[in-house]
Amino acid sequence: MGDFLLSYLDGIDERLLEYLDEVDDLRPDTVQRLRFYTSALLDGSLSPAAVTEDWPDWFDLAPAFVAAYAPGGVQELEEAAVFLEYPERGDGTPLTEADRVYLRALEVQLDMYPEMRPSEG
């Protein structure tokens, strides 16, 4: 996954490479942070606009995670998620059902990340 992820993130913004580890996979703390924000979006404790303000890299890293680690069905759900296109649309706009389905699928994949990582050593 490392080469793919490196190229993917470098194509967006070179500074996103700081989220990669020595084998060019997402660092576990980055995945934990992605998981935190995904859950916060789902439970409504943070709006997309608040995530944009607090950690705008989520909107690049979550799709990068999906592209690198998630099965194709999650990418299809991502394409239907409206909030990814307009995250700054405001705190009052609720997530659509497609947004929620994508976030739930992303949450499951983020939870599986420890098993996806290559063993070290």
PDB file of N, CA and C in Angstrom:
ATOM      1  N   MET A   1       0.809  -1.203   0.000  1.00  0.00           N
ATOM      2  CA  MET A   1       0.000   0.000   0.000  1.00  0.00           C
ATOM      3  C   MET A   1       0.850   1.263   0.000  1.00  0.00           C
ATOM      4  N   GLY A   2       2.041   1.165   0.567  1.00  0.00           N
ATOM      5  CA  GLY A   2       2.862   2.341   0.777  1.00  0.00           C
ATOM      6  C   GLY A   2       3.099   3.183  -0.457  1.00  0.00           C
ATOM      7  N   ASP A   3       3.518   2.558  -1.564  1.00  0.00           N
ATOM      8  CA  ASP A   3       3.812   3.332  -2.775  1.00  0.00           C
ATOM      9  C   ASP A   3       2.561   4.019  -3.307  1.00  0.00           C
ATOM     10  N   PHE A   4       1.444   3.297  -3.303  1.00  0.00           N
ATOM     11  CA  PHE A   4       0.194   3.872  -3.777  1.00  0.00           C
ATOM     12  C   PHE A   4      -0.203   5.071  -2.921  1.00  0.00           C
ATOM     13  N   LEU A   5      -0.167   4.881  -1.622  1.00  0.00           N
ATOM     14  CA  LEU A   5      -0.573   5.938  -0.700  1.00  0.00           C
ATOM     15  C   LEU A   5       0.362   7.143  -0.806  1.00  0.00           C
ATOM     16  N   LEU A   6       1.636   6.886  -0.907  1.00  0.00           N
ATOM     17  CA  LEU A   6       2.622   7.967  -1.070  1.00  0.00           C
ATOM     18  C   LEU A   6       2.302   8.791  -2.308  1.00  0.00           C
ATOM     19  N   SER A   7       2.067   8.135  -3.425  1.00  0.00           N
ATOM     20  CA  SER A   7       1.752   8.838  -4.670  1.00  0.00           C
ATOM     21  C   SER A   7       0.428   9.586  -4.572  1.00  0.00           C
ATOM     22  N   TYR A   8      -0.566   8.937  -3.968  1.00  0.00           N
ATOM     23  CA  TYR A   8      -1.896   9.529  -3.833  1.00  0.00           C
ATOM     24  C   TYR A   8      -1.818  10.831  -3.029  1.00  0.00           C
ATOM     25  N   LEU A   9      -1.213  10.763  -1.855  1.00  0.00           N
ATOM     26  CA  LEU A   9      -1.146  11.946  -0.983  1.00  0.00           C
ATOM     27  C   LEU A   9      -0.229  13.017  -1.558  1.00  0.00           C
ATOM     28  N   ASP A  10       0.885  12.611  -2.146  1.00  0.00           N
ATOM     29  CA  ASP A  10       1.806  13.577  -2.739  1.00  0.00           C
ATOM     30  C   ASP A  10       1.140  14.321  -3.892  1.00  0.00           C
ATOM     31  N   GLY A  11       0.233  13.638  -4.589  1.00  0.00           N
ATOM     32  CA  GLY A  11      -0.501  14.277  -5.676  1.00  0.00           C
ATOM     33  C   GLY A  11      -1.484  15.331  -5.192  1.00  0.00           C
ATOM     34  N   ILE A  12      -1.912  15.226  -3.964  1.00  0.00           N
ATOM     35  CA  ILE A  12      -2.842  16.196  -3.384  1.00  0.00           C
ATOM     36  C   ILE A  12      -2.061  17.360  -2.775  1.00  0.00           C
ATOM     37  N   ASP A  13      -1.150  17.017  -1.869  1.00  0.00           N
ATOM     38  CA  ASP A  13      -0.382  18.043  -1.156  1.00  0.00           C
ATOM     39  C   ASP A  13       0.781  17.348  -0.458  1.00  0.00           C
ATOM     40  N   GLU A  14       1.975  17.751  -0.759  1.00  0.00           N
ATOM     41  CA  GLU A  14       3.169  17.114  -0.207  1.00  0.00           C
ATOM     42  C   GLU A  14       3.179  17.086   1.319  1.00  0.00           C
ATOM     43  N   ARG A  15       2.569  18.084   1.946  1.00  0.00           N
ATOM     44  CA  ARG A  15       2.600  18.126   3.412  1.00  0.00           C
ATOM     45  C   ARG A  15       1.789  16.995   4.036  1.00  0.00           C
ATOM     46  N   LEU A  16       0.900  16.355   3.270  1.00  0.00           N
ATOM     47  CA  LEU A  16       0.134  15.214   3.791  1.00  0.00           C
ATOM     48  C   LEU A  16       1.029  14.002   4.032  1.00  0.00           C
ATOM     49  N   LEU A  17       2.219  14.004   3.471  1.00  0.00           N
ATOM     50  CA  LEU A  17       3.143  12.883   3.653  1.00  0.00           C
ATOM     51  C   LEU A  17       3.588  12.744   5.105  1.00  0.00           C
ATOM     52  N   GLU A  18       3.419  13.800   5.896  1.00  0.00           N
ATOM     53  CA  GLU A  18       3.789  13.729   7.314  1.00  0.00           C
ATOM     54  C   GLU A  18       2.916  12.722   8.080  1.00  0.00           C
ATOM     55  N   TYR A  19       1.796  12.318   7.509  1.00  0.00           N
ATOM     56  CA  TYR A  19       0.910  11.355   8.155  1.00  0.00           C
ATOM     57  C   TYR A  19       1.313   9.904   7.877  1.00  0.00           C
ATOM     58  N   LEU A  20       2.377   9.707   7.103  1.00  0.00           N
ATOM     59  CA  LEU A  20       2.832   8.361   6.769  1.00  0.00           C
ATOM     60  C   LEU A  20       3.959   7.924   7.687  1.00  0.00           C
ATOM     61  N   ASP A  21       4.065   6.608   7.871  1.00  0.00           N
ATOM     62  CA  ASP A  21       5.143   6.058   8.692  1.00  0.00           C
ATOM     63  C   ASP A  21       6.345   5.711   7.810  1.00  0.00           C
ATOM     64  N   GLU A  22       7.282   4.986   8.374  1.00  0.00           N
ATOM     65  CA  GLU A  22       8.530   4.676   7.669  1.00  0.00           C
ATOM     66  C   GLU A  22       8.330   3.740   6.477  1.00  0.00           C
ATOM     67  N   VAL A  23       7.228   3.016   6.400  1.00  0.00           N
ATOM     68  CA  VAL A  23       6.955   2.155   5.246  1.00  0.00           C
ATOM     69  C   VAL A  23       5.848   2.754   4.363  1.00  0.00           C
ATOM     70  N   ASP A  24       5.582   4.031   4.546  1.00  0.00           N
ATOM     71  CA  ASP A  24       4.623   4.789   3.750  1.00  0.00           C
ATOM     72  C   ASP A  24       3.187   4.288   3.857  1.00  0.00           C
ATOM     73  N   ASP A  25       2.839   3.785   5.032  1.00  0.00           N
ATOM     74  CA  ASP A  25       1.455   3.508   5.380  1.00  0.00           C
ATOM     75  C   ASP A  25       1.003   4.607   6.344  1.00  0.00           C
ATOM     76  N   LEU A  26      -0.310   4.770   6.475  1.00  0.00           N
ATOM     77  CA  LEU A  26      -0.795   5.751   7.448  1.00  0.00           C
ATOM     78  C   LEU A  26      -0.364   5.340   8.847  1.00  0.00           C
ATOM     79  N   ARG A  27       0.131   6.321   9.599  1.00  0.00           N
ATOM     80  CA  ARG A  27       0.532   6.040  10.973  1.00  0.00           C
ATOM     81  C   ARG A  27      -0.703   5.651  11.786  1.00  0.00           C
ATOM     82  N   PRO A  28      -0.544   4.739  12.737  1.00  0.00           N
ATOM     83  CA  PRO A  28      -1.691   4.327  13.571  1.00  0.00           C
ATOM     84  C   PRO A  28      -2.363   5.506  14.281  1.00  0.00           C
ATOM     85  N   ASP A  29      -1.599   6.492  14.737  1.00  0.00           N
ATOM     86  CA  ASP A  29      -2.227   7.639  15.405  1.00  0.00           C
ATOM     87  C   ASP A  29      -3.062   8.467  14.432  1.00  0.00           C
ATOM     88  N   THR A  30      -2.662   8.490  13.169  1.00  0.00           N
ATOM     89  CA  THR A  30      -3.451   9.191  12.154  1.00  0.00           C
ATOM     90  C   THR A  30      -4.769   8.466  11.934  1.00  0.00           C
ATOM     91  N   VAL A  31      -4.713   7.133  11.877  1.00  0.00           N
ATOM     92  CA  VAL A  31      -5.934   6.347  11.690  1.00  0.00           C
ATOM     93  C   VAL A  31      -6.846   6.506  12.899  1.00  0.00           C
ATOM     94  N   GLN A  32      -6.287   6.547  14.090  1.00  0.00           N
ATOM     95  CA  GLN A  32      -7.108   6.769  15.293  1.00  0.00           C
ATOM     96  C   GLN A  32      -7.787   8.138  15.232  1.00  0.00           C
ATOM     97  N   ARG A  33      -7.061   9.120  14.750  1.00  0.00           N
ATOM     98  CA  ARG A  33      -7.635  10.461  14.637  1.00  0.00           C
ATOM     99  C   ARG A  33      -8.730  10.482  13.566  1.00  0.00           C
ATOM    100  N   LEU A  34      -8.486   9.807  12.443  1.00  0.00           N
ATOM    101  CA  LEU A  34      -9.527   9.683  11.421  1.00  0.00           C
ATOM    102  C   LEU A  34     -10.781   9.046  12.020  1.00  0.00           C
ATOM    103  N   ARG A  35     -10.577   8.022  12.829  1.00  0.00           N
ATOM    104  CA  ARG A  35     -11.692   7.308  13.459  1.00  0.00           C
ATOM    105  C   ARG A  35     -12.456   8.227  14.408  1.00  0.00           C
ATOM    106  N   PHE A  36     -11.727   9.003  15.198  1.00  0.00           N
ATOM    107  CA  PHE A  36     -12.362   9.933  16.130  1.00  0.00           C
ATOM    108  C   PHE A  36     -13.270  10.912  15.381  1.00  0.00           C
ATOM    109  N   TYR A  37     -12.741  11.533  14.336  1.00  0.00           N
ATOM    110  CA  TYR A  37     -13.534  12.520  13.593  1.00  0.00           C
ATOM    111  C   TYR A  37     -14.685  11.871  12.840  1.00  0.00           C
ATOM    112  N   THR A  38     -14.480  10.653  12.342  1.00  0.00           N
ATOM    113  CA  THR A  38     -15.559   9.937  11.663  1.00  0.00           C
ATOM    114  C   THR A  38     -16.702   9.683  12.638  1.00  0.00           C
ATOM    115  N   SER A  39     -16.379   9.216  13.819  1.00  0.00           N
ATOM    116  CA  SER A  39     -17.401   8.964  14.842  1.00  0.00           C
ATOM    117  C   SER A  39     -18.083  10.251  15.273  1.00  0.00           C
ATOM    118  N   ALA A  40     -17.304  11.318  15.413  1.00  0.00           N
ATOM    119  CA  ALA A  40     -17.881  12.605  15.816  1.00  0.00           C
ATOM    120  C   ALA A  40     -18.846  13.132  14.755  1.00  0.00           C
ATOM    121  N   LEU A  41     -18.522  12.928  13.489  1.00  0.00           N
ATOM    122  CA  LEU A  41     -19.454  13.311  12.425  1.00  0.00           C
ATOM    123  C   LEU A  41     -20.730  12.480  12.500  1.00  0.00           C
ATOM    124  N   LEU A  42     -20.559  11.193  12.726  1.00  0.00           N
ATOM    125  CA  LEU A  42     -21.718  10.304  12.795  1.00  0.00           C
ATOM    126  C   LEU A  42     -22.633  10.607  13.961  1.00  0.00           C
ATOM    127  N   ASP A  43     -22.050  10.858  15.127  1.00  0.00           N
ATOM    128  CA  ASP A  43     -22.905  11.088  16.297  1.00  0.00           C
ATOM    129  C   ASP A  43     -23.376  12.537  16.402  1.00  0.00           C
ATOM    130  N   GLY A  44     -22.921  13.374  15.480  1.00  0.00           N
ATOM    131  CA  GLY A  44     -23.382  14.755  15.441  1.00  0.00           C
ATOM    132  C   GLY A  44     -22.664  15.685  16.388  1.00  0.00           C
ATOM    133  N   SER A  45     -21.639  15.197  17.089  1.00  0.00           N
ATOM    134  CA  SER A  45     -20.922  16.084  17.996  1.00  0.00           C
ATOM    135  C   SER A  45     -20.035  17.075  17.242  1.00  0.00           C
ATOM    136  N   LEU A  46     -19.720  16.772  15.978  1.00  0.00           N
ATOM    137  CA  LEU A  46     -19.024  17.718  15.105  1.00  0.00           C
ATOM    138  C   LEU A  46     -19.735  17.753  13.758  1.00  0.00           C
ATOM    139  N   SER A  47     -19.833  18.931  13.187  1.00  0.00           N
ATOM    140  CA  SER A  47     -20.382  19.084  11.844  1.00  0.00           C
ATOM    141  C   SER A  47     -19.229  19.023  10.844  1.00  0.00           C
ATOM    142  N   PRO A  48     -19.515  18.801   9.572  1.00  0.00           N
ATOM    143  CA  PRO A  48     -18.454  18.864   8.569  1.00  0.00           C
ATOM    144  C   PRO A  48     -17.713  20.204   8.597  1.00  0.00           C
ATOM    145  N   ALA A  49     -18.443  21.291   8.818  1.00  0.00           N
ATOM    146  CA  ALA A  49     -17.799  22.605   8.887  1.00  0.00           C
ATOM    147  C   ALA A  49     -16.832  22.684  10.062  1.00  0.00           C
ATOM    148  N   ALA A  50     -17.205  22.096  11.195  1.00  0.00           N
ATOM    149  CA  ALA A  50     -16.315  22.099  12.367  1.00  0.00           C
ATOM    150  C   ALA A  50     -15.069  21.262  12.102  1.00  0.00           C
ATOM    151  N   VAL A  51     -15.224  20.136  11.420  1.00  0.00           N
ATOM    152  CA  VAL A  51     -14.065  19.312  11.072  1.00  0.00           C
ATOM    153  C   VAL A  51     -13.167  20.079  10.105  1.00  0.00           C
ATOM    154  N   THR A  52     -13.763  20.779   9.157  1.00  0.00           N
ATOM    155  CA  THR A  52     -12.992  21.595   8.215  1.00  0.00           C
ATOM    156  C   THR A  52     -12.152  22.616   8.959  1.00  0.00           C
ATOM    157  N   GLU A  53     -12.714  23.196   9.996  1.00  0.00           N
ATOM    158  CA  GLU A  53     -11.997  24.199  10.777  1.00  0.00           C
ATOM    159  C   GLU A  53     -10.936  23.566  11.676  1.00  0.00           C
ATOM    160  N   ASP A  54     -11.275  22.439  12.297  1.00  0.00           N
ATOM    161  CA  ASP A  54     -10.393  21.813  13.275  1.00  0.00           C
ATOM    162  C   ASP A  54      -9.277  20.984  12.642  1.00  0.00           C
ATOM    163  N   TRP A  55      -9.608  20.169  11.633  1.00  0.00           N
ATOM    164  CA  TRP A  55      -8.616  19.297  10.993  1.00  0.00           C
ATOM    165  C   TRP A  55      -9.006  19.096   9.527  1.00  0.00           C
ATOM    166  N   PRO A  56      -8.763  20.092   8.694  1.00  0.00           N
ATOM    167  CA  PRO A  56      -9.172  20.005   7.290  1.00  0.00           C
ATOM    168  C   PRO A  56      -8.532  18.845   6.534  1.00  0.00           C
ATOM    169  N   ASP A  57      -7.405  18.334   7.023  1.00  0.00           N
ATOM    170  CA  ASP A  57      -6.752  17.203   6.357  1.00  0.00           C
ATOM    171  C   ASP A  57      -7.618  15.950   6.371  1.00  0.00           C
ATOM    172  N   TRP A  58      -8.605  15.885   7.272  1.00  0.00           N
ATOM    173  CA  TRP A  58      -9.511  14.732   7.295  1.00  0.00           C
ATOM    174  C   TRP A  58     -10.119  14.519   5.916  1.00  0.00           C
ATOM    175  N   PHE A  59     -10.455  15.600   5.226  1.00  0.00           N
ATOM    176  CA  PHE A  59     -11.144  15.509   3.939  1.00  0.00           C
ATOM    177  C   PHE A  59     -10.239  15.028   2.806  1.00  0.00           C
ATOM    178  N   ASP A  60      -8.945  15.012   3.019  1.00  0.00           N
ATOM    179  CA  ASP A  60      -8.011  14.385   2.081  1.00  0.00           C
ATOM    180  C   ASP A  60      -7.611  12.990   2.551  1.00  0.00           C
ATOM    181  N   LEU A  61      -7.418  12.848   3.842  1.00  0.00           N
ATOM    182  CA  LEU A  61      -6.934  11.579   4.387  1.00  0.00           C
ATOM    183  C   LEU A  61      -7.997  10.485   4.395  1.00  0.00           C
ATOM    184  N   ALA A  62      -9.247  10.824   4.666  1.00  0.00           N
ATOM    185  CA  ALA A  62     -10.300   9.799   4.661  1.00  0.00           C
ATOM    186  C   ALA A  62     -10.441   9.187   3.265  1.00  0.00           C
ATOM    187  N   PRO A  63     -10.547   9.975   2.195  1.00  0.00           N
ATOM    188  CA  PRO A  63     -10.588   9.368   0.860  1.00  0.00           C
ATOM    189  C   PRO A  63      -9.299   8.623   0.502  1.00  0.00           C
ATOM    190  N   ALA A  64      -8.164   9.092   0.981  1.00  0.00           N
ATOM    191  CA  ALA A  64      -6.901   8.378   0.742  1.00  0.00           C
ATOM    192  C   ALA A  64      -6.941   7.019   1.429  1.00  0.00           C
ATOM    193  N   PHE A  65      -7.444   6.986   2.647  1.00  0.00           N
ATOM    194  CA  PHE A  65      -7.584   5.718   3.375  1.00  0.00           C
ATOM    195  C   PHE A  65      -8.485   4.769   2.594  1.00  0.00           C
ATOM    196  N   VAL A  66      -9.614   5.262   2.127  1.00  0.00           N
ATOM    197  CA  VAL A  66     -10.551   4.432   1.374  1.00  0.00           C
ATOM    198  C   VAL A  66      -9.885   3.906   0.108  1.00  0.00           C
ATOM    199  N   ALA A  67      -9.198   4.771  -0.611  1.00  0.00           N
ATOM    200  CA  ALA A  67      -8.550   4.348  -1.859  1.00  0.00           C
ATOM    201  C   ALA A  67      -7.488   3.285  -1.616  1.00  0.00           C
ATOM    202  N   ALA A  68      -6.767   3.399  -0.510  1.00  0.00           N
ATOM    203  CA  ALA A  68      -5.656   2.484  -0.238  1.00  0.00           C
ATOM    204  C   ALA A  68      -6.076   1.198   0.466  1.00  0.00           C
ATOM    205  N   TYR A  69      -7.051   1.261   1.350  1.00  0.00           N
ATOM    206  CA  TYR A  69      -7.308   0.135   2.242  1.00  0.00           C
ATOM    207  C   TYR A  69      -8.703  -0.465   2.169  1.00  0.00           C
ATOM    208  N   ALA A  70      -9.675   0.273   1.695  1.00  0.00           N
ATOM    209  CA  ALA A  70     -11.065  -0.204   1.772  1.00  0.00           C
ATOM    210  C   ALA A  70     -11.477  -0.912   0.477  1.00  0.00           C
ATOM    211  N   PRO A  71     -12.406  -1.853   0.592  1.00  0.00           N
ATOM    212  CA  PRO A  71     -12.910  -2.507  -0.609  1.00  0.00           C
ATOM    213  C   PRO A  71     -13.682  -1.529  -1.491  1.00  0.00           C
ATOM    214  N   GLY A  72     -13.842  -1.895  -2.733  1.00  0.00           N
ATOM    215  CA  GLY A  72     -14.480  -1.021  -3.724  1.00  0.00           C
ATOM    216  C   GLY A  72     -15.844  -0.508  -3.344  1.00  0.00           C
ATOM    217  N   GLY A  73     -16.606  -1.280  -2.590  1.00  0.00           N
ATOM    218  CA  GLY A  73     -17.936  -0.835  -2.200  1.00  0.00           C
ATOM    219  C   GLY A  73     -17.912   0.430  -1.369  1.00  0.00           C
ATOM    220  N   VAL A  74     -16.871   0.610  -0.587  1.00  0.00           N
ATOM    221  CA  VAL A  74     -16.765   1.826   0.230  1.00  0.00           C
ATOM    222  C   VAL A  74     -16.488   3.031  -0.667  1.00  0.00           C
ATOM    223  N   GLN A  75     -15.713   2.828  -1.722  1.00  0.00           N
ATOM    224  CA  GLN A  75     -15.462   3.929  -2.663  1.00  0.00           C
ATOM    225  C   GLN A  75     -16.759   4.361  -3.335  1.00  0.00           C
ATOM    226  N   GLU A  76     -17.621   3.414  -3.642  1.00  0.00           N
ATOM    227  CA  GLU A  76     -18.920   3.759  -4.223  1.00  0.00           C
ATOM    228  C   GLU A  76     -19.752   4.574  -3.235  1.00  0.00           C
ATOM    229  N   LEU A  77     -19.719   4.188  -1.971  1.00  0.00           N
ATOM    230  CA  LEU A  77     -20.439   4.943  -0.939  1.00  0.00           C
ATOM    231  C   LEU A  77     -19.858   6.347  -0.809  1.00  0.00           C
ATOM    232  N   GLU A  78     -18.540   6.440  -0.916  1.00  0.00           N
ATOM    233  CA  GLU A  78     -17.866   7.738  -0.826  1.00  0.00           C
ATOM    234  C   GLU A  78     -18.327   8.666  -1.949  1.00  0.00           C
ATOM    235  N   GLU A  79     -18.483   8.126  -3.139  1.00  0.00           N
ATOM    236  CA  GLU A  79     -18.924   8.932  -4.281  1.00  0.00           C
ATOM    237  C   GLU A  79     -20.317   9.505  -4.070  1.00  0.00           C
ATOM    238  N   ALA A  80     -21.144   8.819  -3.297  1.00  0.00           N
ATOM    239  CA  ALA A  80     -22.507   9.284  -3.034  1.00  0.00           C
ATOM    240  C   ALA A  80     -22.585  10.236  -1.843  1.00  0.00           C
ATOM    241  N   ALA A  81     -21.518  10.348  -1.079  1.00  0.00           N
ATOM    242  CA  ALA A  81     -21.521  11.196   0.122  1.00  0.00           C
ATOM    243  C   ALA A  81     -21.425  12.667  -0.269  1.00  0.00           C
ATOM    244  N   VAL A  82     -22.459  13.410   0.015  1.00  0.00           N
ATOM    245  CA  VAL A  82     -22.556  14.816  -0.377  1.00  0.00           C
ATOM    246  C   VAL A  82     -21.624  15.711   0.439  1.00  0.00           C
ATOM    247  N   PHE A  83     -21.504  15.452   1.733  1.00  0.00           N
ATOM    248  CA  PHE A  83     -20.754  16.359   2.603  1.00  0.00           C
ATOM    249  C   PHE A  83     -19.280  16.452   2.216  1.00  0.00           C
ATOM    250  N   LEU A  84     -18.744  15.451   1.536  1.00  0.00           N
ATOM    251  CA  LEU A  84     -17.339  15.496   1.136  1.00  0.00           C
ATOM    252  C   LEU A  84     -17.081  16.569   0.084  1.00  0.00           C
ATOM    253  N   GLU A  85     -18.094  16.867  -0.720  1.00  0.00           N
ATOM    254  CA  GLU A  85     -17.946  17.889  -1.754  1.00  0.00           C
ATOM    255  C   GLU A  85     -18.064  19.298  -1.181  1.00  0.00           C
ATOM    256  N   TYR A  86     -18.870  19.469  -0.154  1.00  0.00           N
ATOM    257  CA  TYR A  86     -19.139  20.791   0.412  1.00  0.00           C
ATOM    258  C   TYR A  86     -19.038  20.765   1.928  1.00  0.00           C
ATOM    259  N   PRO A  87     -17.864  20.458   2.478  1.00  0.00           N
ATOM    260  CA  PRO A  87     -17.764  20.320   3.940  1.00  0.00           C
ATOM    261  C   PRO A  87     -18.010  21.622   4.692  1.00  0.00           C
ATOM    262  N   GLU A  88     -17.790  22.738   4.057  1.00  0.00           N
ATOM    263  CA  GLU A  88     -17.934  24.027   4.742  1.00  0.00           C
ATOM    264  C   GLU A  88     -19.343  24.584   4.642  1.00  0.00           C
ATOM    265  N   ARG A  89     -20.300  23.758   4.253  1.00  0.00           N
ATOM    266  CA  ARG A  89     -21.655  24.246   3.976  1.00  0.00           C
ATOM    267  C   ARG A  89     -22.385  24.788   5.189  1.00  0.00           C
ATOM    268  N   GLY A  90     -21.830  24.632   6.346  1.00  0.00           N
ATOM    269  CA  GLY A  90     -22.447  25.222   7.524  1.00  0.00           C
ATOM    270  C   GLY A  90     -22.851  24.198   8.557  1.00  0.00           C
ATOM    271  N   ASP A  91     -22.961  24.662   9.774  1.00  0.00           N
ATOM    272  CA  ASP A  91     -23.262  23.775  10.890  1.00  0.00           C
ATOM    273  C   ASP A  91     -24.717  23.308  10.896  1.00  0.00           C
ATOM    274  N   GLY A  92     -25.604  24.023  10.227  1.00  0.00           N
ATOM    275  CA  GLY A  92     -27.012  23.694  10.313  1.00  0.00           C
ATOM    276  C   GLY A  92     -27.485  22.635   9.337  1.00  0.00           C
ATOM    277  N   THR A  93     -26.677  22.280   8.349  1.00  0.00           N
ATOM    278  CA  THR A  93     -27.102  21.318   7.344  1.00  0.00           C
ATOM    279  C   THR A  93     -26.830  19.900   7.833  1.00  0.00           C
ATOM    280  N   PRO A  94     -27.875  19.098   7.976  1.00  0.00           N
ATOM    281  CA  PRO A  94     -27.664  17.735   8.472  1.00  0.00           C
ATOM    282  C   PRO A  94     -27.015  16.851   7.408  1.00  0.00           C
ATOM    283  N   LEU A  95     -26.365  15.803   7.877  1.00  0.00           N
ATOM    284  CA  LEU A  95     -25.812  14.816   6.962  1.00  0.00           C
ATOM    285  C   LEU A  95     -26.950  14.086   6.267  1.00  0.00           C
ATOM    286  N   THR A  96     -26.724  13.722   5.021  1.00  0.00           N
ATOM    287  CA  THR A  96     -27.712  12.925   4.295  1.00  0.00           C
ATOM    288  C   THR A  96     -27.582  11.458   4.717  1.00  0.00           C
ATOM    289  N   GLU A  97     -28.544  10.648   4.326  1.00  0.00           N
ATOM    290  CA  GLU A  97     -28.448   9.223   4.621  1.00  0.00           C
ATOM    291  C   GLU A  97     -27.236   8.620   3.923  1.00  0.00           C
ATOM    292  N   ALA A  98     -26.930   9.072   2.704  1.00  0.00           N
ATOM    293  CA  ALA A  98     -25.744   8.582   1.980  1.00  0.00           C
ATOM    294  C   ALA A  98     -24.463   8.951   2.733  1.00  0.00           C
ATOM    295  N   ASP A  99     -24.434  10.147   3.321  1.00  0.00           N
ATOM    296  CA  ASP A  99     -23.288  10.553   4.130  1.00  0.00           C
ATOM    297  C   ASP A  99     -23.103   9.604   5.309  1.00  0.00           C
ATOM    298  N   ARG A 100     -24.197   9.306   5.974  1.00  0.00           N
ATOM    299  CA  ARG A 100     -24.145   8.457   7.174  1.00  0.00           C
ATOM    300  C   ARG A 100     -23.736   7.018   6.821  1.00  0.00           C
ATOM    301  N   VAL A 101     -24.229   6.519   5.715  1.00  0.00           N
ATOM    302  CA  VAL A 101     -23.867   5.160   5.282  1.00  0.00           C
ATOM    303  C   VAL A 101     -22.368   5.103   4.996  1.00  0.00           C
ATOM    304  N   TYR A 102     -21.857   6.111   4.310  1.00  0.00           N
ATOM    305  CA  TYR A 102     -20.418   6.172   4.026  1.00  0.00           C
ATOM    306  C   TYR A 102     -19.607   6.231   5.320  1.00  0.00           C
ATOM    307  N   LEU A 103     -20.006   7.099   6.233  1.00  0.00           N
ATOM    308  CA  LEU A 103     -19.266   7.241   7.485  1.00  0.00           C
ATOM    309  C   LEU A 103     -19.284   5.959   8.310  1.00  0.00           C
ATOM    310  N   ARG A 104     -20.415   5.259   8.319  1.00  0.00           N
ATOM    311  CA  ARG A 104     -20.473   3.977   9.044  1.00  0.00           C
ATOM    312  C   ARG A 104     -19.537   2.952   8.407  1.00  0.00           C
ATOM    313  N   ALA A 105     -19.514   2.897   7.086  1.00  0.00           N
ATOM    314  CA  ALA A 105     -18.617   1.956   6.396  1.00  0.00           C
ATOM    315  C   ALA A 105     -17.155   2.334   6.634  1.00  0.00           C
ATOM    316  N   LEU A 106     -16.872   3.632   6.623  1.00  0.00           N
ATOM    317  CA  LEU A 106     -15.512   4.105   6.892  1.00  0.00           C
ATOM    318  C   LEU A 106     -15.095   3.735   8.309  1.00  0.00           C
ATOM    319  N   GLU A 107     -15.994   3.905   9.250  1.00  0.00           N
ATOM    320  CA  GLU A 107     -15.724   3.576  10.644  1.00  0.00           C
ATOM    321  C   GLU A 107     -15.313   2.101  10.784  1.00  0.00           C
ATOM    322  N   VAL A 108     -16.036   1.222  10.114  1.00  0.00           N
ATOM    323  CA  VAL A 108     -15.724  -0.214  10.152  1.00  0.00           C
ATOM    324  C   VAL A 108     -14.326  -0.464   9.580  1.00  0.00           C
ATOM    325  N   GLN A 109     -14.016   0.151   8.455  1.00  0.00           N
ATOM    326  CA  GLN A 109     -12.706  -0.046   7.834  1.00  0.00           C
ATOM    327  C   GLN A 109     -11.588   0.517   8.706  1.00  0.00           C
ATOM    328  N   LEU A 110     -11.810   1.652   9.320  1.00  0.00           N
ATOM    329  CA  LEU A 110     -10.800   2.229  10.216  1.00  0.00           C
ATOM    330  C   LEU A 110     -10.548   1.312  11.405  1.00  0.00           C
ATOM    331  N   ASP A 111     -11.598   0.674  11.912  1.00  0.00           N
ATOM    332  CA  ASP A 111     -11.440  -0.261  13.027  1.00  0.00           C
ATOM    333  C   ASP A 111     -10.633  -1.495  12.624  1.00  0.00           C
ATOM    334  N   MET A 112     -10.666  -1.843  11.350  1.00  0.00           N
ATOM    335  CA  MET A 112      -9.948  -3.020  10.858  1.00  0.00           C
ATOM    336  C   MET A 112      -8.488  -2.715  10.514  1.00  0.00           C
ATOM    337  N   TYR A 113      -8.108  -1.464  10.553  1.00  0.00           N
ATOM    338  CA  TYR A 113      -6.760  -1.072  10.124  1.00  0.00           C
ATOM    339  C   TYR A 113      -5.629  -1.830  10.811  1.00  0.00           C
ATOM    340  N   PRO A 114      -5.699  -2.081  12.112  1.00  0.00           N
ATOM    341  CA  PRO A 114      -4.577  -2.817  12.724  1.00  0.00           C
ATOM    342  C   PRO A 114      -4.304  -4.169  12.065  1.00  0.00           C
ATOM    343  N   GLU A 115      -5.352  -4.841  11.593  1.00  0.00           N
ATOM    344  CA  GLU A 115      -5.153  -6.129  10.921  1.00  0.00           C
ATOM    345  C   GLU A 115      -4.654  -5.960   9.492  1.00  0.00           C
ATOM    346  N   MET A 116      -4.863  -4.780   8.891  1.00  0.00           N
ATOM    347  CA  MET A 116      -4.452  -4.525   7.512  1.00  0.00           C
ATOM    348  C   MET A 116      -2.963  -4.199   7.412  1.00  0.00           C
ATOM    349  N   ARG A 117      -2.419  -3.662   8.460  1.00  0.00           N
ATOM    350  CA  ARG A 117      -1.020  -3.210   8.420  1.00  0.00           C
ATOM    351  C   ARG A 117      -0.071  -4.393   8.291  1.00  0.00           C
ATOM    352  N   PRO A 118       0.981  -4.220   7.484  1.00  0.00           N
ATOM    353  CA  PRO A 118       1.965  -5.301   7.403  1.00  0.00           C
ATOM    354  C   PRO A 118       2.652  -5.473   8.747  1.00  0.00           C
ATOM    355  N   SER A 119       3.006  -6.709   9.067  1.00  0.00           N
ATOM    356  CA  SER A 119       3.695  -6.933  10.341  1.00  0.00           C
ATOM    357  C   SER A 119       5.091  -6.343  10.269  1.00  0.00           C
ATOM    358  N   GLU A 120       5.484  -5.772  11.342  1.00  0.00           N
ATOM    359  CA  GLU A 120       6.795  -5.119  11.402  1.00  0.00           C
ATOM    360  C   GLU A 120       7.805  -6.074  12.027  1.00  0.00           C
ATOM    361  N   GLY A 121       8.893  -6.260  11.327  1.00  0.00           N
ATOM    362  CA  GLY A 121       9.930  -7.082  11.891  1.00  0.00           C
ATOM    363  C   GLY A 121      10.044  -8.299  11.093  1.00  0.00           C
TER     364      GLY A 121
END
